[in-house]
PDB file of all heavy atoms in Angstrom:
ATOM      1  N   THR A   1       0.824  -1.210   0.000  1.00  0.00           N
ATOM      2  CA  THR A   1       0.000   0.000   0.000  1.00  0.00           C
ATOM      3  C   THR A   1       0.861   1.263   0.000  1.00  0.00           C
ATOM      4  O   THR A   1       0.626   2.197  -0.779  1.00  0.00           O
ATOM      5  CB  THR A   1      -0.928   0.018   1.233  1.00  0.00           C
ATOM      6  OG1 THR A   1      -1.771  -1.128   1.199  1.00  0.00           O
ATOM      7  CG2 THR A   1      -1.777   1.275   1.268  1.00  0.00           C
ATOM      8  N   GLY A   2       1.867   1.275   0.875  1.00  0.00           N
ATOM      9  CA  GLY A   2       2.686   2.469   1.053  1.00  0.00           C
ATOM     10  C   GLY A   2       3.579   2.803  -0.118  1.00  0.00           C
ATOM     11  O   GLY A   2       4.004   3.955  -0.263  1.00  0.00           O
ATOM     12  N   THR A   3       3.889   1.798  -0.951  1.00  0.00           N
ATOM     13  CA  THR A   3       4.750   2.043  -2.117  1.00  0.00           C
ATOM     14  C   THR A   3       3.973   1.956  -3.434  1.00  0.00           C
ATOM     15  O   THR A   3       4.584   1.921  -4.508  1.00  0.00           O
ATOM     16  CB  THR A   3       5.906   1.028  -2.162  1.00  0.00           C
ATOM     17  OG1 THR A   3       5.372  -0.298  -2.332  1.00  0.00           O
ATOM     18  CG2 THR A   3       6.748   1.082  -0.893  1.00  0.00           C
ATOM     19  N   ASN A   4       2.637   1.910  -3.334  1.00  0.00           N
ATOM     20  CA  ASN A   4       1.791   1.779  -4.537  1.00  0.00           C
ATOM     21  C   ASN A   4       2.173   0.560  -5.371  1.00  0.00           C
ATOM     22  O   ASN A   4       2.181   0.616  -6.611  1.00  0.00           O
ATOM     23  CB  ASN A   4       1.866   3.055  -5.392  1.00  0.00           C
ATOM     24  CG  ASN A   4       1.298   4.259  -4.676  1.00  0.00           C
ATOM     25  OD1 ASN A   4       0.238   4.187  -4.068  1.00  0.00           O
ATOM     26  ND2 ASN A   4       2.013   5.387  -4.737  1.00  0.00           N
ATOM     27  N   GLY A   5       2.521  -0.507  -4.672  1.00  0.00           N
ATOM     28  CA  GLY A   5       2.834  -1.753  -5.358  1.00  0.00           C
ATOM     29  C   GLY A   5       4.248  -1.875  -5.857  1.00  0.00           C
ATOM     30  O   GLY A   5       4.601  -2.874  -6.507  1.00  0.00           O
ATOM     31  N   ASP A   6       5.086  -0.879  -5.577  1.00  0.00           N
ATOM     32  CA  ASP A   6       6.477  -0.935  -6.051  1.00  0.00           C
ATOM     33  C   ASP A   6       7.311  -1.944  -5.256  1.00  0.00           C
ATOM     34  O   ASP A   6       8.311  -2.454  -5.758  1.00  0.00           O
ATOM     35  CB  ASP A   6       7.130   0.451  -5.955  1.00  0.00           C
ATOM     36  CG  ASP A   6       6.589   1.418  -6.998  1.00  0.00           C
ATOM     37  OD1 ASP A   6       5.957   0.950  -7.964  1.00  0.00           O
ATOM     38  OD2 ASP A   6       6.789   2.638  -6.833  1.00  0.00           O
ATOM     39  N   VAL A   7       6.917  -2.196  -3.993  1.00  0.00           N
ATOM     40  CA  VAL A   7       7.609  -3.200  -3.171  1.00  0.00           C
ATOM     41  C   VAL A   7       6.616  -4.302  -2.833  1.00  0.00           C
ATOM     42  O   VAL A   7       5.568  -4.043  -2.233  1.00  0.00           O
ATOM     43  CB  VAL A   7       8.173  -2.580  -1.876  1.00  0.00           C
ATOM     44  CG1 VAL A   7       8.804  -3.667  -1.006  1.00  0.00           C
ATOM     45  CG2 VAL A   7       9.205  -1.507  -2.195  1.00  0.00           C
ATOM     46  N   ILE A   8       6.943  -5.511  -3.221  1.00  0.00           N
ATOM     47  CA  ILE A   8       6.084  -6.672  -2.976  1.00  0.00           C
ATOM     48  C   ILE A   8       6.828  -7.629  -2.051  1.00  0.00           C
ATOM     49  O   ILE A   8       7.931  -8.089  -2.377  1.00  0.00           O
ATOM     50  CB  ILE A   8       5.723  -7.404  -4.285  1.00  0.00           C
ATOM     51  CG1 ILE A   8       5.007  -6.450  -5.236  1.00  0.00           C
ATOM     52  CG2 ILE A   8       4.845  -8.624  -3.985  1.00  0.00           C
ATOM     53  CD1 ILE A   8       3.688  -5.902  -4.733  1.00  0.00           C
ATOM     54  N   ILE A   9       6.223  -7.919  -0.898  1.00  0.00           N
ATOM     55  CA  ILE A   9       6.841  -8.819   0.080  1.00  0.00           C
ATOM     56  C   ILE A   9       6.141 -10.166   0.063  1.00  0.00           C
ATOM     57  O   ILE A   9       4.910 -10.245   0.163  1.00  0.00           O
ATOM     58  CB  ILE A   9       6.788  -8.220   1.497  1.00  0.00           C
ATOM     59  CG1 ILE A   9       7.710  -7.013   1.605  1.00  0.00           C
ATOM     60  CG2 ILE A   9       7.172  -9.259   2.544  1.00  0.00           C
ATOM     61  CD1 ILE A   9       7.755  -6.378   2.985  1.00  0.00           C
ATOM     62  N   THR A  10       6.915 -11.218  -0.056  1.00  0.00           N
ATOM     63  CA  THR A  10       6.411 -12.576   0.080  1.00  0.00           C
ATOM     64  C   THR A  10       6.801 -13.087   1.459  1.00  0.00           C
ATOM     65  O   THR A  10       7.985 -13.099   1.809  1.00  0.00           O
ATOM     66  CB  THR A  10       7.004 -13.506  -0.993  1.00  0.00           C
ATOM     67  OG1 THR A  10       6.639 -13.004  -2.289  1.00  0.00           O
ATOM     68  CG2 THR A  10       6.485 -14.924  -0.826  1.00  0.00           C
ATOM     69  N   VAL A  11       5.815 -13.485   2.261  1.00  0.00           N
ATOM     70  CA  VAL A  11       6.059 -13.945   3.622  1.00  0.00           C
ATOM     71  C   VAL A  11       6.279 -15.452   3.631  1.00  0.00           C
ATOM     72  O   VAL A  11       5.493 -16.211   3.043  1.00  0.00           O
ATOM     73  CB  VAL A  11       4.883 -13.584   4.551  1.00  0.00           C
ATOM     74  CG1 VAL A  11       5.132 -14.095   5.963  1.00  0.00           C
ATOM     75  CG2 VAL A  11       4.661 -12.077   4.561  1.00  0.00           C
ATOM     76  N   GLU A  12       7.327 -15.898   4.270  1.00  0.00           N
ATOM     77  CA  GLU A  12       7.620 -17.319   4.433  1.00  0.00           C
ATOM     78  C   GLU A  12       7.484 -17.716   5.898  1.00  0.00           C
ATOM     79  O   GLU A  12       7.942 -16.996   6.784  1.00  0.00           O
ATOM     80  CB  GLU A  12       9.039 -17.651   3.962  1.00  0.00           C
ATOM     81  CG  GLU A  12       9.226 -17.577   2.463  1.00  0.00           C
ATOM     82  CD  GLU A  12      10.607 -18.053   2.035  1.00  0.00           C
ATOM     83  OE1 GLU A  12      11.433 -18.366   2.915  1.00  0.00           O
ATOM     84  OE2 GLU A  12      10.851 -18.107   0.824  1.00  0.00           O
ATOM     85  N   GLU A  13       6.868 -18.870   6.126  1.00  0.00           N
ATOM     86  CA  GLU A  13       6.767 -19.388   7.485  1.00  0.00           C
ATOM     87  C   GLU A  13       8.134 -19.866   7.953  1.00  0.00           C
ATOM     88  O   GLU A  13       8.981 -20.275   7.160  1.00  0.00           O
ATOM     89  CB  GLU A  13       5.779 -20.558   7.535  1.00  0.00           C
ATOM     90  CG  GLU A  13       5.551 -21.109   8.928  1.00  0.00           C
ATOM     91  CD  GLU A  13       4.573 -22.272   8.948  1.00  0.00           C
ATOM     92  OE1 GLU A  13       4.178 -22.729   7.867  1.00  0.00           O
ATOM     93  OE2 GLU A  13       4.236 -22.724  10.056  1.00  0.00           O
ATOM     94  N   SER A  14       8.346 -19.800   9.252  1.00  0.00           N
ATOM     95  CA  SER A  14       9.612 -20.221   9.850  1.00  0.00           C
ATOM     96  C   SER A  14       9.327 -20.988  11.130  1.00  0.00           C
ATOM     97  O   SER A  14       8.271 -20.839  11.750  1.00  0.00           O
ATOM     98  CB  SER A  14      10.470 -18.993  10.155  1.00  0.00           C
ATOM     99  OG  SER A  14      11.500 -19.300  11.069  1.00  0.00           O
ATOM    100  N   GLN A  15      10.292 -21.793  11.534  1.00  0.00           N
ATOM    101  CA  GLN A  15      10.174 -22.514  12.799  1.00  0.00           C
ATOM    102  C   GLN A  15      10.773 -21.736  13.960  1.00  0.00           C
ATOM    103  O   GLN A  15      10.766 -22.204  15.090  1.00  0.00           O
ATOM    104  CB  GLN A  15      10.844 -23.890  12.679  1.00  0.00           C
ATOM    105  CG  GLN A  15      10.159 -24.804  11.688  1.00  0.00           C
ATOM    106  CD  GLN A  15       8.673 -24.954  11.958  1.00  0.00           C
ATOM    107  OE1 GLN A  15       8.272 -25.372  13.045  1.00  0.00           O
ATOM    108  NE2 GLN A  15       7.848 -24.635  10.978  1.00  0.00           N
ATOM    109  N   GLY A  16      11.298 -20.541  13.664  1.00  0.00           N
ATOM    110  CA  GLY A  16      11.839 -19.737  14.747  1.00  0.00           C
ATOM    111  C   GLY A  16      12.995 -18.864  14.310  1.00  0.00           C
ATOM    112  O   GLY A  16      13.494 -18.953  13.179  1.00  0.00           O
ATOM    113  N   SER A  17      13.442 -18.026  15.230  1.00  0.00           N
ATOM    114  CA  SER A  17      14.469 -17.038  14.913  1.00  0.00           C
ATOM    115  C   SER A  17      15.816 -17.660  14.565  1.00  0.00           C
ATOM    116  O   SER A  17      16.562 -17.114  13.753  1.00  0.00           O
ATOM    117  CB  SER A  17      14.634 -16.070  16.088  1.00  0.00           C
ATOM    118  OG  SER A  17      13.458 -15.337  16.305  1.00  0.00           O
ATOM    119  N   VAL A  18      16.150 -18.801  15.185  1.00  0.00           N
ATOM    120  CA  VAL A  18      17.432 -19.444  14.861  1.00  0.00           C
ATOM    121  C   VAL A  18      17.469 -19.811  13.383  1.00  0.00           C
ATOM    122  O   VAL A  18      18.464 -19.575  12.685  1.00  0.00           O
ATOM    123  CB  VAL A  18      17.670 -20.690  15.742  1.00  0.00           C
ATOM    124  CG1 VAL A  18      18.903 -21.460  15.261  1.00  0.00           C
ATOM    125  CG2 VAL A  18      17.852 -20.282  17.201  1.00  0.00           C
ATOM    126  N   GLN A  19      16.376 -20.386  12.883  1.00  0.00           N
ATOM    127  CA  GLN A  19      16.302 -20.715  11.465  1.00  0.00           C
ATOM    128  C   GLN A  19      16.418 -19.461  10.604  1.00  0.00           C
ATOM    129  O   GLN A  19      17.132 -19.453   9.590  1.00  0.00           O
ATOM    130  CB  GLN A  19      14.987 -21.432  11.142  1.00  0.00           C
ATOM    131  CG  GLN A  19      14.845 -21.780   9.661  1.00  0.00           C
ATOM    132  CD  GLN A  19      13.470 -22.333   9.306  1.00  0.00           C
ATOM    133  OE1 GLN A  19      12.642 -22.571  10.167  1.00  0.00           O
ATOM    134  NE2 GLN A  19      13.222 -22.516   8.019  1.00  0.00           N
ATOM    135  N   ASN A  20      15.742 -18.400  11.020  1.00  0.00           N
ATOM    136  CA  ASN A  20      15.781 -17.149  10.255  1.00  0.00           C
ATOM    137  C   ASN A  20      17.203 -16.630  10.093  1.00  0.00           C
ATOM    138  O   ASN A  20      17.627 -16.231   9.006  1.00  0.00           O
ATOM    139  CB  ASN A  20      14.939 -16.078  10.958  1.00  0.00           C
ATOM    140  CG  ASN A  20      13.463 -16.403  10.970  1.00  0.00           C
ATOM    141  OD1 ASN A  20      13.037 -17.397  10.398  1.00  0.00           O
ATOM    142  ND2 ASN A  20      12.687 -15.565  11.627  1.00  0.00           N
ATOM    143  N   VAL A  21      17.939 -16.608  11.212  1.00  0.00           N
ATOM    144  CA  VAL A  21      19.315 -16.115  11.189  1.00  0.00           C
ATOM    145  C   VAL A  21      20.206 -17.067  10.395  1.00  0.00           C
ATOM    146  O   VAL A  21      21.043 -16.625   9.597  1.00  0.00           O
ATOM    147  CB  VAL A  21      19.861 -15.929  12.621  1.00  0.00           C
ATOM    148  CG1 VAL A  21      21.314 -15.458  12.586  1.00  0.00           C
ATOM    149  CG2 VAL A  21      19.012 -14.938  13.405  1.00  0.00           C
ATOM    150  N   MET A  22      20.003 -18.357  10.604  1.00  0.00           N
ATOM    151  CA  MET A  22      20.835 -19.357   9.920  1.00  0.00           C
ATOM    152  C   MET A  22      20.720 -19.206   8.405  1.00  0.00           C
ATOM    153  O   MET A  22      21.710 -19.346   7.674  1.00  0.00           O
ATOM    154  CB  MET A  22      20.411 -20.762  10.342  1.00  0.00           C
ATOM    155  CG  MET A  22      21.454 -21.834  10.089  1.00  0.00           C
ATOM    156  SD  MET A  22      22.858 -21.738  11.234  1.00  0.00           S
ATOM    157  CE  MET A  22      22.151 -22.487  12.702  1.00  0.00           C
ATOM    158  N   GLU A  23      19.529 -18.895   7.921  1.00  0.00           N
ATOM    159  CA  GLU A  23      19.332 -18.792   6.476  1.00  0.00           C
ATOM    160  C   GLU A  23      19.997 -17.557   5.878  1.00  0.00           C
ATOM    161  O   GLU A  23      20.161 -17.469   4.664  1.00  0.00           O
ATOM    162  CB  GLU A  23      17.837 -18.821   6.137  1.00  0.00           C
ATOM    163  CG  GLU A  23      17.222 -20.193   6.333  1.00  0.00           C
ATOM    164  CD  GLU A  23      15.871 -20.339   5.643  1.00  0.00           C
ATOM    165  OE1 GLU A  23      15.534 -19.508   4.770  1.00  0.00           O
ATOM    166  OE2 GLU A  23      15.161 -21.298   5.977  1.00  0.00           O
ATOM    167  N   ALA A  24      20.371 -16.607   6.730  1.00  0.00           N
ATOM    168  CA  ALA A  24      21.100 -15.440   6.228  1.00  0.00           C
ATOM    169  C   ALA A  24      22.439 -15.844   5.617  1.00  0.00           C
ATOM    170  O   ALA A  24      23.015 -15.090   4.823  1.00  0.00           O
ATOM    171  CB  ALA A  24      21.319 -14.435   7.350  1.00  0.00           C
ATOM    172  N   MET A  25      22.932 -17.039   5.976  1.00  0.00           N
ATOM    173  CA  MET A  25      24.185 -17.530   5.406  1.00  0.00           C
ATOM    174  C   MET A  25      24.044 -17.854   3.924  1.00  0.00           C
ATOM    175  O   MET A  25      24.999 -17.723   3.162  1.00  0.00           O
ATOM    176  CB  MET A  25      24.634 -18.801   6.143  1.00  0.00           C
ATOM    177  CG  MET A  25      25.088 -18.615   7.567  1.00  0.00           C
ATOM    178  SD  MET A  25      25.660 -20.186   8.263  1.00  0.00           S
ATOM    179  CE  MET A  25      27.068 -20.555   7.202  1.00  0.00           C
ATOM    180  N   VAL A  26      22.849 -18.299   3.533  1.00  0.00           N
ATOM    181  CA  VAL A  26      22.694 -18.848   2.180  1.00  0.00           C
ATOM    182  C   VAL A  26      21.718 -18.072   1.304  1.00  0.00           C
ATOM    183  O   VAL A  26      21.705 -18.270   0.084  1.00  0.00           O
ATOM    184  CB  VAL A  26      22.232 -20.323   2.254  1.00  0.00           C
ATOM    185  CG1 VAL A  26      23.313 -21.180   2.900  1.00  0.00           C
ATOM    186  CG2 VAL A  26      20.931 -20.459   3.034  1.00  0.00           C
ATOM    187  N   ARG A  27      20.912 -17.194   1.902  1.00  0.00           N
ATOM    188  CA  ARG A  27      19.944 -16.453   1.102  1.00  0.00           C
ATOM    189  C   ARG A  27      20.602 -15.217   0.505  1.00  0.00           C
ATOM    190  O   ARG A  27      21.406 -14.542   1.151  1.00  0.00           O
ATOM    191  CB  ARG A  27      18.746 -16.039   1.957  1.00  0.00           C
ATOM    192  CG  ARG A  27      18.011 -17.203   2.608  1.00  0.00           C
ATOM    193  CD  ARG A  27      17.298 -18.079   1.603  1.00  0.00           C
ATOM    194  NE  ARG A  27      16.101 -17.460   1.104  1.00  0.00           N
ATOM    195  CZ  ARG A  27      14.878 -17.721   1.589  1.00  0.00           C
ATOM    196  NH1 ARG A  27      14.710 -18.591   2.580  1.00  0.00           N
ATOM    197  NH2 ARG A  27      13.833 -17.122   1.074  1.00  0.00           N
ATOM    198  N   SER A  28      20.252 -14.912  -0.711  1.00  0.00           N
ATOM    199  CA  SER A  28      20.853 -13.759  -1.384  1.00  0.00           C
ATOM    200  C   SER A  28      19.786 -12.709  -1.660  1.00  0.00           C
ATOM    201  O   SER A  28      18.587 -12.943  -1.496  1.00  0.00           O
ATOM    202  CB  SER A  28      21.515 -14.199  -2.696  1.00  0.00           C
ATOM    203  OG  SER A  28      20.543 -14.796  -3.559  1.00  0.00           O
ATOM    204  N   GLY A  29      20.235 -11.543  -2.093  1.00  0.00           N
ATOM    205  CA  GLY A  29      19.318 -10.497  -2.510  1.00  0.00           C
ATOM    206  C   GLY A  29      18.515  -9.906  -1.376  1.00  0.00           C
ATOM    207  O   GLY A  29      19.020  -9.685  -0.272  1.00  0.00           O
ATOM    208  N   ASN A  30      17.233  -9.662  -1.647  1.00  0.00           N
ATOM    209  CA  ASN A  30      16.370  -8.955  -0.706  1.00  0.00           C
ATOM    210  C   ASN A  30      15.735  -9.917   0.298  1.00  0.00           C
ATOM    211  O   ASN A  30      14.517 -10.128   0.303  1.00  0.00           O
ATOM    212  CB  ASN A  30      15.297  -8.177  -1.469  1.00  0.00           C
ATOM    213  CG  ASN A  30      15.875  -7.076  -2.320  1.00  0.00           C
ATOM    214  OD1 ASN A  30      16.901  -6.490  -1.971  1.00  0.00           O
ATOM    215  ND2 ASN A  30      15.239  -6.786  -3.434  1.00  0.00           N
ATOM    216  N   TYR A  31      16.574 -10.480   1.151  1.00  0.00           N
ATOM    217  CA  TYR A  31      16.113 -11.379   2.207  1.00  0.00           C
ATOM    218  C   TYR A  31      15.978 -10.586   3.494  1.00  0.00           C
ATOM    219  O   TYR A  31      16.933  -9.971   3.970  1.00  0.00           O
ATOM    220  CB  TYR A  31      17.117 -12.520   2.396  1.00  0.00           C
ATOM    221  CG  TYR A  31      16.803 -13.438   3.562  1.00  0.00           C
ATOM    222  CD1 TYR A  31      15.635 -14.184   3.588  1.00  0.00           C
ATOM    223  CD2 TYR A  31      17.684 -13.552   4.634  1.00  0.00           C
ATOM    224  CE1 TYR A  31      15.357 -15.039   4.651  1.00  0.00           C
ATOM    225  CE2 TYR A  31      17.418 -14.400   5.697  1.00  0.00           C
ATOM    226  CZ  TYR A  31      16.248 -15.143   5.699  1.00  0.00           C
ATOM    227  OH  TYR A  31      15.973 -15.986   6.756  1.00  0.00           O
ATOM    228  N   VAL A  32      14.774 -10.571   4.064  1.00  0.00           N
ATOM    229  CA  VAL A  32      14.500  -9.906   5.334  1.00  0.00           C
ATOM    230  C   VAL A  32      14.018 -10.954   6.319  1.00  0.00           C
ATOM    231  O   VAL A  32      13.265 -11.864   5.948  1.00  0.00           O
ATOM    232  CB  VAL A  32      13.429  -8.801   5.169  1.00  0.00           C
ATOM    233  CG1 VAL A  32      13.075  -8.182   6.514  1.00  0.00           C
ATOM    234  CG2 VAL A  32      13.927  -7.724   4.207  1.00  0.00           C
ATOM    235  N   PHE A  33      14.457 -10.863   7.562  1.00  0.00           N
ATOM    236  CA  PHE A  33      14.012 -11.815   8.577  1.00  0.00           C
ATOM    237  C   PHE A  33      13.853 -11.110   9.908  1.00  0.00           C
ATOM    238  O   PHE A  33      14.396 -10.020  10.132  1.00  0.00           O
ATOM    239  CB  PHE A  33      15.004 -12.980   8.712  1.00  0.00           C
ATOM    240  CG  PHE A  33      16.370 -12.593   9.198  1.00  0.00           C
ATOM    241  CD1 PHE A  33      16.697 -12.639  10.545  1.00  0.00           C
ATOM    242  CD2 PHE A  33      17.349 -12.167   8.304  1.00  0.00           C
ATOM    243  CE1 PHE A  33      17.966 -12.281  11.000  1.00  0.00           C
ATOM    244  CE2 PHE A  33      18.624 -11.815   8.742  1.00  0.00           C
ATOM    245  CZ  PHE A  33      18.926 -11.859  10.098  1.00  0.00           C
ATOM    246  N   THR A  34      13.091 -11.722  10.793  1.00  0.00           N
ATOM    247  CA  THR A  34      12.891 -11.164  12.133  1.00  0.00           C
ATOM    248  C   THR A  34      13.622 -12.016  13.162  1.00  0.00           C
ATOM    249  O   THR A  34      13.667 -13.240  13.059  1.00  0.00           O
ATOM    250  CB  THR A  34      11.398 -11.089  12.485  1.00  0.00           C
ATOM    251  OG1 THR A  34      10.810 -12.399  12.403  1.00  0.00           O
ATOM    252  CG2 THR A  34      10.670 -10.171  11.520  1.00  0.00           C
ATOM    253  N   SER A  35      14.192 -11.334  14.154  1.00  0.00           N
ATOM    254  CA  SER A  35      14.971 -12.026  15.180  1.00  0.00           C
ATOM    255  C   SER A  35      15.272 -11.069  16.322  1.00  0.00           C
ATOM    256  O   SER A  35      15.357  -9.851  16.106  1.00  0.00           O
ATOM    257  CB  SER A  35      16.287 -12.536  14.586  1.00  0.00           C
ATOM    258  OG  SER A  35      17.160 -13.023  15.599  1.00  0.00           O
ATOM    259  N   PRO A  36      15.474 -11.576  17.534  1.00  0.00           N
ATOM    260  CA  PRO A  36      16.056 -10.734  18.583  1.00  0.00           C
ATOM    261  C   PRO A  36      17.479 -10.346  18.198  1.00  0.00           C
ATOM    262  O   PRO A  36      18.220 -11.173  17.643  1.00  0.00           O
ATOM    263  CB  PRO A  36      16.052 -11.657  19.813  1.00  0.00           C
ATOM    264  CG  PRO A  36      15.031 -12.702  19.521  1.00  0.00           C
ATOM    265  CD  PRO A  36      15.095 -12.919  18.044  1.00  0.00           C
ATOM    266  N   PRO A  37      17.902  -9.124  18.445  1.00  0.00           N
ATOM    267  CA  PRO A  37      19.265  -8.701  18.095  1.00  0.00           C
ATOM    268  C   PRO A  37      20.344  -9.560  18.747  1.00  0.00           C
ATOM    269  O   PRO A  37      21.394  -9.797  18.148  1.00  0.00           O
ATOM    270  CB  PRO A  37      19.332  -7.252  18.604  1.00  0.00           C
ATOM    271  CG  PRO A  37      17.920  -6.790  18.621  1.00  0.00           C
ATOM    272  CD  PRO A  37      17.102  -7.994  18.984  1.00  0.00           C
ATOM    273  N   GLY A  38      20.078 -10.021  19.965  1.00  0.00           N
ATOM    274  CA  GLY A  38      21.082 -10.830  20.657  1.00  0.00           C
ATOM    275  C   GLY A  38      21.419 -12.110  19.925  1.00  0.00           C
ATOM    276  O   GLY A  38      22.557 -12.592  19.985  1.00  0.00           O
ATOM    277  N   LEU A  39      20.448 -12.675  19.225  1.00  0.00           N
ATOM    278  CA  LEU A  39      20.677 -13.910  18.479  1.00  0.00           C
ATOM    279  C   LEU A  39      21.594 -13.653  17.288  1.00  0.00           C
ATOM    280  O   LEU A  39      22.470 -14.474  16.965  1.00  0.00           O
ATOM    281  CB  LEU A  39      19.341 -14.480  18.014  1.00  0.00           C
ATOM    282  CG  LEU A  39      19.307 -15.974  17.678  1.00  0.00           C
ATOM    283  CD1 LEU A  39      19.714 -16.816  18.877  1.00  0.00           C
ATOM    284  CD2 LEU A  39      17.913 -16.371  17.202  1.00  0.00           C
ATOM    285  N   VAL A  40      21.410 -12.507  16.646  1.00  0.00           N
ATOM    286  CA  VAL A  40      22.317 -12.123  15.555  1.00  0.00           C
ATOM    287  C   VAL A  40      23.733 -11.944  16.097  1.00  0.00           C
ATOM    288  O   VAL A  40      24.716 -12.357  15.470  1.00  0.00           O
ATOM    289  CB  VAL A  40      21.828 -10.834  14.869  1.00  0.00           C
ATOM    290  CG1 VAL A  40      22.861 -10.327  13.864  1.00  0.00           C
ATOM    291  CG2 VAL A  40      20.494 -11.073  14.178  1.00  0.00           C
ATOM    292  N   GLY A  41      23.841 -11.358  17.290  1.00  0.00           N
ATOM    293  CA  GLY A  41      25.149 -11.191  17.920  1.00  0.00           C
ATOM    294  C   GLY A  41      25.836 -12.520  18.177  1.00  0.00           C
ATOM    295  O   GLY A  41      27.053 -12.658  17.977  1.00  0.00           O
ATOM    296  N   LEU A  42      25.070 -13.519  18.619  1.00  0.00           N
ATOM    297  CA  LEU A  42      25.641 -14.856  18.833  1.00  0.00           C
ATOM    298  C   LEU A  42      26.153 -15.432  17.516  1.00  0.00           C
ATOM    299  O   LEU A  42      27.239 -16.029  17.471  1.00  0.00           O
ATOM    300  CB  LEU A  42      24.584 -15.791  19.428  1.00  0.00           C
ATOM    301  CG  LEU A  42      24.170 -15.546  20.882  1.00  0.00           C
ATOM    302  CD1 LEU A  42      23.063 -16.509  21.282  1.00  0.00           C
ATOM    303  CD2 LEU A  42      25.363 -15.690  21.824  1.00  0.00           C
ATOM    304  N   ALA A  43      25.377 -15.253  16.443  1.00  0.00           N
ATOM    305  CA  ALA A  43      25.798 -15.769  15.136  1.00  0.00           C
ATOM    306  C   ALA A  43      27.074 -15.099  14.656  1.00  0.00           C
ATOM    307  O   ALA A  43      27.982 -15.749  14.114  1.00  0.00           O
ATOM    308  CB  ALA A  43      24.681 -15.556  14.116  1.00  0.00           C
ATOM    309  N   GLN A  44      27.177 -13.800  14.878  1.00  0.00           N
ATOM    310  CA  GLN A  44      28.352 -13.058  14.420  1.00  0.00           C
ATOM    311  C   GLN A  44      29.597 -13.387  15.229  1.00  0.00           C
ATOM    312  O   GLN A  44      30.712 -13.090  14.806  1.00  0.00           O
ATOM    313  CB  GLN A  44      28.057 -11.557  14.462  1.00  0.00           C
ATOM    314  CG  GLN A  44      27.017 -11.142  13.429  1.00  0.00           C
ATOM    315  CD  GLN A  44      26.597  -9.694  13.544  1.00  0.00           C
ATOM    316  OE1 GLN A  44      26.706  -9.095  14.618  1.00  0.00           O
ATOM    317  NE2 GLN A  44      26.116  -9.114  12.454  1.00  0.00           N
TER     318      GLN A  44
END
């Protein structure tokens, strides 16, 4: 709505934040995920 259709988001189900962060290793391009910041810190 806010971009008049210029940005289209496809939502994917996940089993949790660990999976979300783990996939950042292999996903390319416009990959967005949700996670507590502390979990990203552990990964880094």
